[in-house]
Amino acid sequence: MDNDAVDDQPLTDREHVDPHGSVEPGADTGPDDTDTSVRERSGRLPKVTLAVLGVALVILGLDQLTKTIAVATLDPARPVEIIGDFVTLRLIRNSGAAFSLATGYTWVLSIIALVVVLVIIRYSSRLRSWWWVAGLALVLGGAIGNLMDRIFRAPQPLQGHVVDFVSVGWWPVFNVADSAVVCGAILLVVLSALGFDYDGTRTGWAARRDRRDERDTAGPEGTEGGAHA
């Protein structure tokens, strides 16, 4: 891949990452444990956590708004064609996971979703990559969106049915929250596969690319002529 490929910029401009995947001694990789504990004692959330929560709230709002409109306007017995019968709006109530998987295990899925939400919020302060912020925020917003349905919708708390309304071809009917979870998960898998880690370090392909860039930007005497990407 060329230099125009996805470049995962650390959240701090002062961080200097060793191309072999470790952070060089003396590098500033973000807030240390002392800074984090001070923020926790003062009740202030780290900026990166606020960023994750902010994007997640946008996803949650869009998901709940579209579900409310779907419930108010769609007739389950009369799908609305958008692109022929390939893309339609089809209202269904789903007791399973995303794309109607694991139907009948609603309470288990509710507990899993709640754990996922708490884990993401708890560890979001450790993120040093905007791409990881985006990926986890998508997963968090989608997880909360469907969790809200399972908690507050019929037939009962923690066993509520999720509202799905988008049908594309042979793909199971889904909603905005499902799309956010899947897109976020794919982004995180791609970042991990390419070697862009959540803490700003780089391994694998990303580290090899950095080493290649260093060779390309080195001056005639072997000194570096540019900064890390």
Foldseek 3Di string as FASTA:
>chain_A
DDPVPDDWAFQDPQWDAQLAFHGDPPTDLDDDPVVVVVCVVVVHDDPQLVLLQVLLVVLLVVQVVVLVVLVVPPDQVDWADDPHVQKIWHKDWAQADFLNPPGPPQLVLLVVLVVLLVVCSVCSNQFGTVLLSQLSSLLNSLSVNQNCQCQPAPDHGSRGTGIFTIHGHPGRTGTSSSVSNVVSVVSVVVCVVCQQDRSRTGHDNSSVVQVVVQVVQADPVRHGNDGGD
